[in-house]
């Protein structure tokens, strides 16, 4: 039970975020209006993705420092779990765009950066599956993982902030960039972020356990 407390906490916080996100009062901002509630879901999924991709690249570096296959397993499982949350994030973002801008996709730096980042990581898995030599696959994948993480930071976190004319929430073309979150929204948003990140780590630990058991049987 002592090892379960953080998992229980994650479930509670995600449940709290899902429910409270629908009922708490939110500011009636121009353009986004009630769709601002998607912040409690969409952004939290991206936080989970970023956390897991960070775990993945750290384990890629650890693998290269000693060529211990255990770190390769950790790295690939964290990457696949992170991309799962990334796909959830880009899906909820597309739905948000449809409600707010009238289209599922626009030529916005933030959206394009997210798509490019996911495609780069998709190439990571294509690269892994194209090689049969275990050690060679692990080494090349670890190097590519570092490249993919660097590109993700560039396309998702840096370039959109430098781009002009972005209409993405939190950027120059959206009111949220000016006022930030009010106190009521913070009471939901921050616990929800912790909950989604915790659930992501839990899912990662389950997938890693399954992978290690499968490798041991082989």
N, C-alpha and C. Protein backbone atom coordinates (compact mmCIF):
# COMPACT_ATOMS: atom_id res chain seq x y z
N UNK A 1 0.83 -1.21 0.00
CA UNK A 1 0.00 0.00 0.00
C UNK A 1 0.86 1.26 0.00
N UNK A 2 2.05 1.16 0.64
CA UNK A 2 2.93 2.32 0.71
C UNK A 2 3.40 2.73 -0.69
N UNK A 3 3.52 1.75 -1.59
CA UNK A 3 3.97 2.06 -2.94
C UNK A 3 2.83 2.52 -3.85
N UNK A 4 1.61 2.44 -3.35
CA UNK A 4 0.45 2.76 -4.17
C UNK A 4 -0.03 4.19 -3.98
N UNK A 5 0.46 4.89 -2.97
CA UNK A 5 -0.14 6.18 -2.61
C UNK A 5 -0.07 7.19 -3.76
N UNK A 6 1.05 7.20 -4.49
CA UNK A 6 1.19 8.19 -5.56
C UNK A 6 0.30 7.85 -6.76
N UNK A 7 0.03 6.56 -6.94
CA UNK A 7 -0.88 6.15 -8.02
C UNK A 7 -2.32 6.55 -7.68
N UNK A 8 -2.69 6.32 -6.44
CA UNK A 8 -4.03 6.72 -5.98
C UNK A 8 -4.18 8.23 -6.07
N UNK A 9 -3.12 8.95 -5.66
CA UNK A 9 -3.15 10.41 -5.75
C UNK A 9 -3.32 10.86 -7.20
N UNK A 10 -2.62 10.20 -8.12
CA UNK A 10 -2.74 10.55 -9.53
C UNK A 10 -4.15 10.38 -10.05
N UNK A 11 -4.78 9.26 -9.70
CA UNK A 11 -6.16 9.00 -10.12
C UNK A 11 -7.10 10.06 -9.57
N UNK A 12 -6.91 10.39 -8.29
CA UNK A 12 -7.77 11.39 -7.65
C UNK A 12 -7.60 12.75 -8.32
N UNK A 13 -6.36 13.15 -8.58
CA UNK A 13 -6.11 14.47 -9.17
C UNK A 13 -6.62 14.56 -10.60
N UNK A 14 -6.46 13.49 -11.38
CA UNK A 14 -6.99 13.50 -12.74
C UNK A 14 -8.51 13.56 -12.72
N UNK A 15 -9.11 12.76 -11.83
CA UNK A 15 -10.57 12.81 -11.69
C UNK A 15 -11.06 14.18 -11.27
N UNK A 16 -10.34 14.77 -10.33
CA UNK A 16 -10.68 16.12 -9.88
C UNK A 16 -10.59 17.11 -11.03
N UNK A 17 -9.52 17.01 -11.82
CA UNK A 17 -9.35 17.92 -12.95
C UNK A 17 -10.42 17.74 -14.01
N UNK A 18 -10.78 16.48 -14.29
CA UNK A 18 -11.80 16.20 -15.30
C UNK A 18 -13.16 16.79 -14.91
N UNK A 19 -13.51 16.63 -13.64
CA UNK A 19 -14.83 17.09 -13.18
C UNK A 19 -14.83 18.59 -12.92
N UNK A 20 -13.84 19.06 -12.14
CA UNK A 20 -13.80 20.49 -11.80
C UNK A 20 -13.61 21.34 -13.05
N UNK A 21 -12.90 20.81 -14.03
CA UNK A 21 -12.68 21.56 -15.26
C UNK A 21 -13.96 21.87 -16.01
N UNK A 22 -15.00 21.09 -15.75
CA UNK A 22 -16.28 21.30 -16.43
C UNK A 22 -17.21 22.24 -15.67
N UNK A 23 -16.97 22.41 -14.37
CA UNK A 23 -17.95 23.14 -13.56
C UNK A 23 -17.45 24.44 -12.95
N UNK A 24 -16.14 24.62 -12.81
CA UNK A 24 -15.65 25.84 -12.17
C UNK A 24 -15.92 27.04 -13.08
N UNK A 25 -16.16 28.20 -12.49
CA UNK A 25 -16.35 29.40 -13.32
C UNK A 25 -15.04 29.79 -13.99
N UNK A 26 -15.11 30.19 -15.25
CA UNK A 26 -13.93 30.60 -16.00
C UNK A 26 -14.18 31.99 -16.59
N UNK A 27 -13.13 32.77 -16.80
CA UNK A 27 -13.31 34.10 -17.38
C UNK A 27 -13.82 34.03 -18.81
N UNK A 28 -14.71 34.92 -19.16
CA UNK A 28 -15.27 34.96 -20.52
C UNK A 28 -14.37 35.82 -21.40
N UNK A 29 -13.31 35.20 -21.89
CA UNK A 29 -12.35 35.91 -22.72
C UNK A 29 -12.82 35.93 -24.17
N UNK A 30 -12.48 36.99 -24.90
CA UNK A 30 -12.84 37.02 -26.32
C UNK A 30 -12.17 35.88 -27.07
N UNK A 31 -12.83 35.43 -28.09
CA UNK A 31 -12.37 34.37 -29.00
C UNK A 31 -12.55 32.97 -28.39
N UNK A 32 -11.93 32.72 -27.23
CA UNK A 32 -11.94 31.35 -26.70
C UNK A 32 -13.17 31.05 -25.83
N UNK A 33 -13.69 32.03 -25.09
CA UNK A 33 -14.90 31.87 -24.29
C UNK A 33 -14.83 30.60 -23.42
N UNK A 34 -15.89 29.76 -23.46
CA UNK A 34 -15.95 28.57 -22.61
C UNK A 34 -14.94 27.49 -23.02
N UNK A 35 -14.44 27.58 -24.24
CA UNK A 35 -13.48 26.56 -24.69
C UNK A 35 -12.18 26.62 -23.90
N UNK A 36 -12.01 27.65 -23.10
CA UNK A 36 -10.82 27.75 -22.26
C UNK A 36 -10.72 26.57 -21.30
N UNK A 37 -11.85 25.90 -21.06
CA UNK A 37 -11.85 24.74 -20.16
C UNK A 37 -10.96 23.62 -20.68
N UNK A 38 -10.73 23.58 -21.97
CA UNK A 38 -9.85 22.56 -22.53
C UNK A 38 -8.42 22.70 -22.02
N UNK A 39 -8.10 23.85 -21.47
CA UNK A 39 -6.78 24.05 -20.87
C UNK A 39 -6.50 23.00 -19.80
N UNK A 40 -7.54 22.61 -19.06
CA UNK A 40 -7.37 21.66 -17.97
C UNK A 40 -7.05 20.25 -18.47
N UNK A 41 -7.25 19.99 -19.74
CA UNK A 41 -7.01 18.67 -20.30
C UNK A 41 -5.86 18.70 -21.31
N UNK A 42 -6.00 19.54 -22.31
CA UNK A 42 -5.03 19.61 -23.41
C UNK A 42 -3.61 19.92 -22.91
N UNK A 43 -3.46 20.96 -22.14
CA UNK A 43 -2.12 21.38 -21.69
C UNK A 43 -1.53 20.36 -20.73
N UNK A 44 -2.37 19.77 -19.89
CA UNK A 44 -1.89 18.77 -18.93
C UNK A 44 -1.32 17.55 -19.64
N UNK A 45 -1.93 17.18 -20.76
CA UNK A 45 -1.41 16.06 -21.55
C UNK A 45 -0.03 16.37 -22.12
N UNK A 46 0.18 17.63 -22.52
CA UNK A 46 1.49 18.03 -23.02
C UNK A 46 2.53 17.99 -21.91
N UNK A 47 2.14 18.37 -20.70
CA UNK A 47 3.07 18.28 -19.57
C UNK A 47 3.49 16.84 -19.34
N UNK A 48 2.53 15.91 -19.42
CA UNK A 48 2.86 14.50 -19.26
C UNK A 48 3.81 14.04 -20.36
N UNK A 49 3.55 14.47 -21.60
CA UNK A 49 4.41 14.12 -22.72
C UNK A 49 5.83 14.64 -22.50
N UNK A 50 5.96 15.90 -22.13
CA UNK A 50 7.28 16.50 -21.94
C UNK A 50 8.05 15.80 -20.83
N UNK A 51 7.35 15.43 -19.76
CA UNK A 51 7.99 14.72 -18.66
C UNK A 51 8.54 13.38 -19.12
N UNK A 52 7.72 12.63 -19.85
CA UNK A 52 8.12 11.30 -20.29
C UNK A 52 9.22 11.34 -21.35
N UNK A 53 9.16 12.31 -22.24
CA UNK A 53 10.23 12.44 -23.23
C UNK A 53 11.54 12.87 -22.57
N UNK A 54 11.44 13.61 -21.48
CA UNK A 54 12.64 13.96 -20.71
C UNK A 54 13.23 12.71 -20.06
N UNK A 55 12.36 11.86 -19.51
CA UNK A 55 12.82 10.59 -18.94
C UNK A 55 13.49 9.75 -20.03
N UNK A 56 12.91 9.76 -21.21
CA UNK A 56 13.45 8.98 -22.32
C UNK A 56 14.85 9.43 -22.71
N UNK A 57 15.05 10.73 -22.87
CA UNK A 57 16.35 11.22 -23.32
C UNK A 57 17.40 11.06 -22.22
N UNK A 58 17.01 11.19 -20.97
CA UNK A 58 17.96 10.97 -19.87
C UNK A 58 18.45 9.53 -19.88
N UNK A 59 17.54 8.59 -20.10
CA UNK A 59 17.94 7.19 -20.15
C UNK A 59 18.73 6.87 -21.41
N UNK A 60 18.49 7.61 -22.49
CA UNK A 60 19.32 7.44 -23.70
C UNK A 60 20.76 7.84 -23.41
N UNK A 61 20.93 8.94 -22.71
CA UNK A 61 22.27 9.39 -22.33
C UNK A 61 22.92 8.39 -21.38
N UNK A 62 22.14 7.87 -20.44
CA UNK A 62 22.68 6.89 -19.49
C UNK A 62 23.09 5.61 -20.22
N UNK A 63 22.34 5.25 -21.24
CA UNK A 63 22.73 4.06 -22.02
C UNK A 63 24.07 4.29 -22.71
N UNK A 64 24.22 5.44 -23.33
CA UNK A 64 25.46 5.73 -24.05
C UNK A 64 26.67 5.82 -23.12
N UNK A 65 26.43 6.11 -21.86
CA UNK A 65 27.54 6.22 -20.91
C UNK A 65 28.05 4.87 -20.42
N UNK A 66 27.24 3.82 -20.58
CA UNK A 66 27.68 2.51 -20.09
C UNK A 66 27.18 1.33 -20.90
N UNK A 67 26.34 1.59 -21.90
CA UNK A 67 25.78 0.55 -22.78
C UNK A 67 25.06 -0.55 -22.01
N UNK A 68 24.34 -0.13 -20.97
CA UNK A 68 23.49 -1.05 -20.21
C UNK A 68 22.12 -1.10 -20.89
N UNK A 69 21.71 -2.28 -21.35
CA UNK A 69 20.47 -2.41 -22.11
C UNK A 69 19.23 -2.03 -21.29
N UNK A 70 19.35 -2.09 -19.99
CA UNK A 70 18.21 -1.71 -19.15
C UNK A 70 17.80 -0.26 -19.42
N UNK A 71 18.77 0.60 -19.66
CA UNK A 71 18.46 2.00 -19.94
C UNK A 71 17.85 2.18 -21.33
N UNK A 72 18.22 1.30 -22.25
CA UNK A 72 17.58 1.34 -23.57
C UNK A 72 16.10 0.99 -23.45
N UNK A 73 15.79 -0.02 -22.64
CA UNK A 73 14.39 -0.38 -22.41
C UNK A 73 13.63 0.79 -21.80
N UNK A 74 14.23 1.40 -20.81
CA UNK A 74 13.58 2.55 -20.16
C UNK A 74 13.35 3.69 -21.16
N UNK A 75 14.34 3.91 -22.01
CA UNK A 75 14.26 5.02 -22.95
C UNK A 75 13.15 4.83 -23.97
N UNK A 76 13.08 3.65 -24.57
CA UNK A 76 12.08 3.42 -25.62
C UNK A 76 10.67 3.37 -25.04
N UNK A 77 10.52 2.82 -23.85
CA UNK A 77 9.19 2.76 -23.23
C UNK A 77 8.72 4.17 -22.86
N UNK A 78 9.62 4.97 -22.32
CA UNK A 78 9.25 6.35 -21.98
C UNK A 78 8.89 7.14 -23.23
N UNK A 79 9.62 6.91 -24.32
CA UNK A 79 9.32 7.62 -25.57
C UNK A 79 7.95 7.23 -26.11
N UNK A 80 7.65 5.94 -26.11
CA UNK A 80 6.35 5.50 -26.65
C UNK A 80 5.21 6.00 -25.78
N UNK A 81 5.40 6.00 -24.47
CA UNK A 81 4.36 6.50 -23.58
C UNK A 81 4.19 8.01 -23.75
N UNK A 82 5.30 8.71 -23.90
CA UNK A 82 5.24 10.15 -24.10
C UNK A 82 4.52 10.51 -25.39
N UNK A 83 4.78 9.77 -26.46
CA UNK A 83 4.12 10.04 -27.73
C UNK A 83 2.63 9.75 -27.64
N UNK A 84 2.25 8.77 -26.84
CA UNK A 84 0.82 8.50 -26.61
C UNK A 84 0.13 9.74 -26.06
N UNK A 85 0.75 10.36 -25.06
CA UNK A 85 0.17 11.58 -24.49
C UNK A 85 0.27 12.74 -25.48
N UNK A 86 1.30 12.73 -26.30
CA UNK A 86 1.41 13.76 -27.33
C UNK A 86 0.28 13.67 -28.34
N UNK A 87 -0.09 12.45 -28.71
CA UNK A 87 -1.21 12.26 -29.64
C UNK A 87 -2.53 12.69 -29.01
N UNK A 88 -2.69 12.40 -27.71
CA UNK A 88 -3.87 12.88 -27.01
C UNK A 88 -3.89 14.41 -27.00
N UNK A 89 -2.72 15.00 -26.76
CA UNK A 89 -2.63 16.45 -26.70
C UNK A 89 -2.93 17.11 -28.04
N UNK A 90 -2.40 16.55 -29.12
CA UNK A 90 -2.62 17.17 -30.43
C UNK A 90 -4.06 16.95 -30.89
N UNK A 91 -4.69 15.85 -30.44
CA UNK A 91 -6.10 15.62 -30.77
C UNK A 91 -7.01 16.61 -30.06
N UNK A 92 -6.79 16.78 -28.75
CA UNK A 92 -7.61 17.75 -28.01
C UNK A 92 -7.32 19.17 -28.49
N UNK A 93 -6.08 19.42 -28.90
CA UNK A 93 -5.75 20.74 -29.45
C UNK A 93 -6.46 21.00 -30.76
N UNK A 94 -6.57 19.96 -31.59
CA UNK A 94 -7.27 20.10 -32.86
C UNK A 94 -8.75 20.37 -32.65
N UNK A 95 -9.34 19.69 -31.67
CA UNK A 95 -10.75 19.94 -31.35
C UNK A 95 -10.94 21.36 -30.81
N UNK A 96 -9.98 21.81 -30.02
CA UNK A 96 -10.03 23.18 -29.48
C UNK A 96 -9.94 24.19 -30.63
N UNK A 97 -9.07 23.91 -31.58
CA UNK A 97 -8.93 24.80 -32.74
C UNK A 97 -10.23 24.87 -33.53
N UNK A 98 -10.90 23.73 -33.67
CA UNK A 98 -12.16 23.71 -34.43
C UNK A 98 -13.21 24.60 -33.77
N UNK A 99 -13.29 24.54 -32.44
CA UNK A 99 -14.27 25.35 -31.72
C UNK A 99 -13.89 26.83 -31.74
N UNK A 100 -12.61 27.11 -31.59
CA UNK A 100 -12.15 28.50 -31.45
C UNK A 100 -11.94 29.19 -32.78
N UNK A 101 -11.30 28.51 -33.71
CA UNK A 101 -10.91 29.14 -34.97
C UNK A 101 -11.73 28.68 -36.17
N UNK A 102 -12.58 27.67 -35.96
CA UNK A 102 -13.42 27.19 -37.05
C UNK A 102 -12.78 26.17 -37.96
N UNK A 103 -11.59 25.69 -37.59
CA UNK A 103 -10.89 24.69 -38.40
C UNK A 103 -10.09 23.78 -37.47
N UNK A 104 -9.98 22.51 -37.85
CA UNK A 104 -9.23 21.58 -37.01
C UNK A 104 -7.73 21.86 -37.04
N UNK A 105 -7.27 22.55 -38.07
CA UNK A 105 -5.84 22.85 -38.17
C UNK A 105 -5.65 24.18 -38.87
N UNK A 106 -4.72 24.96 -38.38
CA UNK A 106 -4.36 26.22 -39.03
C UNK A 106 -2.84 26.26 -39.19
N UNK A 107 -2.38 27.14 -40.04
CA UNK A 107 -0.94 27.28 -40.27
C UNK A 107 -0.33 28.13 -39.17
N UNK A 108 -0.37 27.58 -37.95
CA UNK A 108 0.13 28.28 -36.77
C UNK A 108 1.46 27.67 -36.33
N UNK A 109 2.43 28.47 -35.94
CA UNK A 109 3.74 27.94 -35.55
C UNK A 109 3.68 26.89 -34.44
N UNK A 110 2.79 27.09 -33.46
CA UNK A 110 2.71 26.14 -32.36
C UNK A 110 2.16 24.79 -32.83
N UNK A 111 1.12 24.83 -33.64
CA UNK A 111 0.53 23.59 -34.15
C UNK A 111 1.49 22.86 -35.08
N UNK A 112 2.11 23.61 -35.97
CA UNK A 112 3.07 22.99 -36.89
C UNK A 112 4.27 22.42 -36.15
N UNK A 113 4.72 23.14 -35.12
CA UNK A 113 5.83 22.65 -34.32
C UNK A 113 5.50 21.36 -33.60
N UNK A 114 4.26 21.27 -33.10
CA UNK A 114 3.82 20.05 -32.42
C UNK A 114 3.79 18.88 -33.40
N UNK A 115 3.26 19.13 -34.60
CA UNK A 115 3.18 18.07 -35.61
C UNK A 115 4.57 17.59 -36.03
N UNK A 116 5.47 18.53 -36.25
CA UNK A 116 6.84 18.17 -36.65
C UNK A 116 7.53 17.37 -35.55
N UNK A 117 7.32 17.77 -34.30
CA UNK A 117 7.93 17.06 -33.17
C UNK A 117 7.46 15.62 -33.11
N UNK A 118 6.16 15.40 -33.28
CA UNK A 118 5.62 14.04 -33.24
C UNK A 118 6.13 13.21 -34.41
N UNK A 119 6.28 13.84 -35.57
CA UNK A 119 6.80 13.13 -36.74
C UNK A 119 8.26 12.73 -36.53
N UNK A 120 9.03 13.60 -35.90
CA UNK A 120 10.43 13.28 -35.61
C UNK A 120 10.51 12.07 -34.69
N UNK A 121 9.65 12.03 -33.69
CA UNK A 121 9.65 10.88 -32.78
C UNK A 121 9.09 9.63 -33.45
N UNK A 122 8.16 9.81 -34.39
CA UNK A 122 7.67 8.66 -35.16
C UNK A 122 8.82 8.03 -35.94
N UNK A 123 9.71 8.87 -36.45
CA UNK A 123 10.88 8.38 -37.17
C UNK A 123 11.81 7.59 -36.25
N UNK A 124 11.81 7.95 -34.98
CA UNK A 124 12.61 7.23 -33.98
C UNK A 124 12.20 5.76 -33.93
N UNK A 125 10.89 5.52 -33.93
CA UNK A 125 10.40 4.14 -33.86
C UNK A 125 10.59 3.41 -35.18
N UNK A 126 10.46 4.14 -36.29
CA UNK A 126 10.74 3.54 -37.59
C UNK A 126 12.20 3.10 -37.66
N UNK A 127 13.09 3.95 -37.15
CA UNK A 127 14.52 3.65 -37.14
C UNK A 127 14.80 2.41 -36.30
N UNK A 128 14.21 2.34 -35.13
CA UNK A 128 14.43 1.18 -34.25
C UNK A 128 13.96 -0.11 -34.93
N UNK A 129 12.80 -0.05 -35.54
CA UNK A 129 12.23 -1.26 -36.14
C UNK A 129 12.94 -1.68 -37.42
N UNK A 130 13.78 -0.81 -37.95
CA UNK A 130 14.49 -1.14 -39.20
C UNK A 130 15.77 -1.91 -38.95
N UNK A 131 16.16 -2.07 -37.68
CA UNK A 131 17.42 -2.74 -37.34
C UNK A 131 17.16 -3.99 -36.51
N UNK A 132 17.92 -5.02 -36.77
CA UNK A 132 17.76 -6.28 -36.05
C UNK A 132 18.86 -6.50 -35.01
N UNK A 133 20.02 -5.91 -35.22
CA UNK A 133 21.11 -6.03 -34.25
C UNK A 133 20.76 -5.23 -33.01
N UNK A 134 20.64 -5.90 -31.88
CA UNK A 134 20.14 -5.28 -30.65
C UNK A 134 21.02 -4.13 -30.18
N UNK A 135 22.33 -4.36 -30.10
CA UNK A 135 23.23 -3.34 -29.58
C UNK A 135 23.34 -2.15 -30.55
N UNK A 136 23.42 -2.45 -31.83
CA UNK A 136 23.48 -1.37 -32.82
C UNK A 136 22.21 -0.53 -32.77
N UNK A 137 21.07 -1.20 -32.66
CA UNK A 137 19.79 -0.49 -32.58
C UNK A 137 19.75 0.40 -31.36
N UNK A 138 20.22 -0.11 -30.24
CA UNK A 138 20.19 0.67 -29.01
C UNK A 138 21.09 1.90 -29.11
N UNK A 139 22.30 1.74 -29.67
CA UNK A 139 23.24 2.86 -29.78
C UNK A 139 22.70 3.95 -30.71
N UNK A 140 22.28 3.54 -31.91
CA UNK A 140 21.80 4.52 -32.89
C UNK A 140 20.52 5.19 -32.39
N UNK A 141 19.66 4.41 -31.77
CA UNK A 141 18.41 4.97 -31.25
C UNK A 141 18.66 5.98 -30.15
N UNK A 142 19.66 5.71 -29.31
CA UNK A 142 19.98 6.64 -28.22
C UNK A 142 20.47 7.97 -28.78
N UNK A 143 21.33 7.90 -29.79
CA UNK A 143 21.83 9.13 -30.41
C UNK A 143 20.68 9.89 -31.07
N UNK A 144 19.83 9.16 -31.78
CA UNK A 144 18.69 9.82 -32.44
C UNK A 144 17.72 10.40 -31.41
N UNK A 145 17.58 9.72 -30.28
CA UNK A 145 16.69 10.22 -29.22
C UNK A 145 17.14 11.59 -28.74
N UNK A 146 18.43 11.76 -28.57
CA UNK A 146 18.97 13.06 -28.15
C UNK A 146 18.66 14.12 -29.20
N UNK A 147 18.84 13.75 -30.47
CA UNK A 147 18.51 14.66 -31.57
C UNK A 147 17.03 15.00 -31.56
N UNK A 148 16.17 13.99 -31.40
CA UNK A 148 14.72 14.20 -31.42
C UNK A 148 14.28 15.11 -30.28
N UNK A 149 14.85 14.91 -29.10
CA UNK A 149 14.47 15.74 -27.96
C UNK A 149 14.89 17.19 -28.19
N UNK A 150 16.08 17.37 -28.74
CA UNK A 150 16.56 18.72 -29.04
C UNK A 150 15.65 19.41 -30.04
N UNK A 151 15.25 18.70 -31.08
CA UNK A 151 14.36 19.25 -32.10
C UNK A 151 12.98 19.54 -31.51
N UNK A 152 12.51 18.67 -30.61
CA UNK A 152 11.22 18.89 -29.98
C UNK A 152 11.22 20.18 -29.16
N UNK A 153 12.28 20.40 -28.39
CA UNK A 153 12.39 21.63 -27.62
C UNK A 153 12.42 22.84 -28.55
N UNK A 154 13.13 22.71 -29.65
CA UNK A 154 13.24 23.81 -30.61
C UNK A 154 11.89 24.11 -31.26
N UNK A 155 11.23 23.08 -31.79
CA UNK A 155 10.00 23.29 -32.56
C UNK A 155 8.78 23.55 -31.68
N UNK A 156 8.80 23.02 -30.47
CA UNK A 156 7.60 23.12 -29.63
C UNK A 156 7.69 24.23 -28.59
N UNK A 157 8.89 24.51 -28.10
CA UNK A 157 9.02 25.45 -26.98
C UNK A 157 9.73 26.76 -27.34
N UNK A 158 10.58 26.75 -28.34
CA UNK A 158 11.38 27.95 -28.63
C UNK A 158 10.87 28.71 -29.85
N UNK A 159 10.82 28.05 -31.01
CA UNK A 159 10.44 28.74 -32.25
C UNK A 159 9.03 29.36 -32.19
N UNK A 160 8.02 28.68 -31.61
CA UNK A 160 6.69 29.31 -31.55
C UNK A 160 6.68 30.62 -30.76
N UNK A 161 7.57 30.72 -29.76
CA UNK A 161 7.63 31.96 -28.98
C UNK A 161 8.29 33.09 -29.77
N UNK A 162 9.15 32.73 -30.71
CA UNK A 162 9.83 33.73 -31.52
C UNK A 162 9.03 34.13 -32.74
N UNK A 163 8.09 33.27 -33.13
CA UNK A 163 7.31 33.53 -34.34
C UNK A 163 6.34 34.68 -34.13
N UNK A 164 6.06 35.41 -35.18
CA UNK A 164 5.13 36.53 -35.14
C UNK A 164 3.75 36.08 -35.62
N UNK A 165 2.71 36.63 -34.99
CA UNK A 165 1.35 36.40 -35.47
C UNK A 165 0.72 35.09 -35.05
N UNK A 166 1.26 34.42 -34.04
CA UNK A 166 0.65 33.18 -33.58
C UNK A 166 -0.68 33.48 -32.88
N UNK A 167 -1.69 32.67 -33.17
CA UNK A 167 -2.99 32.84 -32.51
C UNK A 167 -3.22 31.76 -31.48
N UNK A 168 -2.21 30.98 -31.20
CA UNK A 168 -2.34 29.91 -30.22
C UNK A 168 -2.50 30.48 -28.81
N UNK A 169 -3.36 29.87 -27.96
CA UNK A 169 -3.50 30.34 -26.58
C UNK A 169 -2.16 30.44 -25.86
N UNK A 170 -1.97 31.56 -25.18
CA UNK A 170 -0.72 31.78 -24.48
C UNK A 170 0.32 32.50 -25.29
N UNK A 171 0.05 32.70 -26.59
CA UNK A 171 0.97 33.44 -27.44
C UNK A 171 0.41 34.84 -27.69
N UNK A 172 1.09 35.61 -28.50
CA UNK A 172 0.74 37.02 -28.68
C UNK A 172 -0.65 37.27 -29.21
N UNK A 173 -1.24 36.34 -29.96
CA UNK A 173 -2.53 36.58 -30.55
C UNK A 173 -3.71 36.17 -29.70
N UNK A 174 -3.47 35.81 -28.45
CA UNK A 174 -4.57 35.33 -27.61
C UNK A 174 -4.62 36.08 -26.30
N UNK A 175 -5.81 36.38 -25.78
CA UNK A 175 -5.94 37.14 -24.53
C UNK A 175 -5.26 36.48 -23.34
N UNK A 176 -5.15 35.15 -23.34
CA UNK A 176 -4.53 34.47 -22.21
C UNK A 176 -3.09 34.89 -22.03
N UNK A 177 -2.46 35.33 -23.10
CA UNK A 177 -1.07 35.78 -23.00
C UNK A 177 -0.95 37.02 -22.14
N UNK A 178 -2.06 37.75 -22.02
CA UNK A 178 -2.02 39.01 -21.29
C UNK A 178 -2.39 38.85 -19.82
N UNK A 179 -3.38 38.01 -19.53
CA UNK A 179 -3.86 37.96 -18.15
C UNK A 179 -3.44 36.71 -17.40
N UNK A 180 -3.05 35.65 -18.11
CA UNK A 180 -2.69 34.43 -17.44
C UNK A 180 -3.90 33.74 -16.84
N UNK A 181 -3.67 32.84 -15.88
CA UNK A 181 -4.75 32.11 -15.24
C UNK A 181 -5.22 32.86 -14.01
N UNK A 182 -6.54 32.86 -13.79
CA UNK A 182 -7.03 33.46 -12.55
C UNK A 182 -6.90 32.44 -11.42
N UNK A 183 -7.21 32.88 -10.19
CA UNK A 183 -6.99 32.04 -9.01
C UNK A 183 -7.82 30.76 -9.06
N UNK A 184 -9.06 30.86 -9.53
CA UNK A 184 -9.92 29.68 -9.59
C UNK A 184 -9.37 28.65 -10.56
N UNK A 185 -8.90 29.10 -11.70
CA UNK A 185 -8.35 28.17 -12.69
C UNK A 185 -7.07 27.52 -12.20
N UNK A 186 -6.28 28.25 -11.45
CA UNK A 186 -5.04 27.67 -10.91
C UNK A 186 -5.34 26.52 -9.96
N UNK A 187 -6.44 26.64 -9.20
CA UNK A 187 -6.81 25.60 -8.24
C UNK A 187 -7.17 24.29 -8.94
N UNK A 188 -7.51 24.37 -10.20
CA UNK A 188 -7.81 23.17 -10.98
C UNK A 188 -6.62 22.77 -11.84
N UNK A 189 -5.99 23.75 -12.47
CA UNK A 189 -4.95 23.47 -13.45
C UNK A 189 -3.72 22.80 -12.84
N UNK A 190 -3.19 23.35 -11.77
CA UNK A 190 -1.96 22.80 -11.19
C UNK A 190 -2.14 21.37 -10.66
N UNK A 191 -3.22 21.09 -9.89
CA UNK A 191 -3.43 19.70 -9.49
C UNK A 191 -3.63 18.76 -10.68
N UNK A 192 -4.31 19.26 -11.73
CA UNK A 192 -4.53 18.43 -12.91
C UNK A 192 -3.21 18.10 -13.59
N UNK A 193 -2.30 19.06 -13.67
CA UNK A 193 -0.98 18.80 -14.27
C UNK A 193 -0.26 17.70 -13.49
N UNK A 194 -0.26 17.82 -12.16
CA UNK A 194 0.39 16.82 -11.33
C UNK A 194 -0.25 15.45 -11.54
N UNK A 195 -1.58 15.44 -11.63
CA UNK A 195 -2.29 14.18 -11.83
C UNK A 195 -1.96 13.52 -13.15
N UNK A 196 -1.98 14.29 -14.24
CA UNK A 196 -1.68 13.72 -15.56
C UNK A 196 -0.24 13.25 -15.66
N UNK A 197 0.69 14.00 -15.09
CA UNK A 197 2.09 13.58 -15.09
C UNK A 197 2.25 12.29 -14.30
N UNK A 198 1.59 12.22 -13.15
CA UNK A 198 1.65 11.02 -12.32
C UNK A 198 1.09 9.81 -13.05
N UNK A 199 -0.05 10.00 -13.72
CA UNK A 199 -0.64 8.90 -14.48
C UNK A 199 0.27 8.47 -15.63
N UNK A 200 0.96 9.44 -16.23
CA UNK A 200 1.90 9.11 -17.29
C UNK A 200 3.05 8.26 -16.79
N UNK A 201 3.57 8.61 -15.62
CA UNK A 201 4.67 7.84 -15.03
C UNK A 201 4.19 6.45 -14.64
N UNK A 202 2.97 6.35 -14.14
CA UNK A 202 2.40 5.05 -13.79
C UNK A 202 2.28 4.17 -15.03
N UNK A 203 1.73 4.73 -16.10
CA UNK A 203 1.59 3.97 -17.34
C UNK A 203 2.96 3.54 -17.86
N UNK A 204 3.93 4.43 -17.76
CA UNK A 204 5.30 4.12 -18.17
C UNK A 204 5.86 2.96 -17.36
N UNK A 205 5.65 2.97 -16.05
CA UNK A 205 6.17 1.90 -15.20
C UNK A 205 5.51 0.56 -15.52
N UNK A 206 4.22 0.58 -15.85
CA UNK A 206 3.52 -0.65 -16.21
C UNK A 206 4.06 -1.21 -17.53
N UNK A 207 4.23 -0.34 -18.52
CA UNK A 207 4.74 -0.77 -19.82
C UNK A 207 6.17 -1.27 -19.72
N UNK A 208 6.97 -0.62 -18.87
CA UNK A 208 8.35 -1.06 -18.68
C UNK A 208 8.39 -2.44 -18.04
N UNK A 209 7.53 -2.66 -17.06
CA UNK A 209 7.49 -3.97 -16.41
C UNK A 209 7.11 -5.06 -17.40
N UNK A 210 6.12 -4.78 -18.25
CA UNK A 210 5.70 -5.75 -19.26
C UNK A 210 6.85 -6.03 -20.24
N UNK A 211 7.55 -4.99 -20.64
CA UNK A 211 8.66 -5.17 -21.59
C UNK A 211 9.79 -6.00 -20.98
N UNK A 212 10.13 -5.73 -19.72
CA UNK A 212 11.21 -6.47 -19.07
C UNK A 212 10.84 -7.93 -18.87
N UNK A 213 9.58 -8.20 -18.55
CA UNK A 213 9.13 -9.59 -18.41
C UNK A 213 9.21 -10.30 -19.75
N UNK A 214 8.79 -9.60 -20.81
CA UNK A 214 8.84 -10.18 -22.15
C UNK A 214 10.27 -10.47 -22.57
N UNK A 215 11.19 -9.55 -22.26
CA UNK A 215 12.60 -9.75 -22.61
C UNK A 215 13.19 -10.91 -21.84
N UNK A 216 12.79 -11.06 -20.57
CA UNK A 216 13.31 -12.14 -19.74
C UNK A 216 12.85 -13.51 -20.27
N UNK A 217 11.63 -13.56 -20.77
CA UNK A 217 11.10 -14.81 -21.32
C UNK A 217 11.81 -15.20 -22.61
N UNK A 218 12.17 -14.17 -23.40
CA UNK A 218 12.86 -14.44 -24.66
C UNK A 218 14.31 -14.86 -24.42
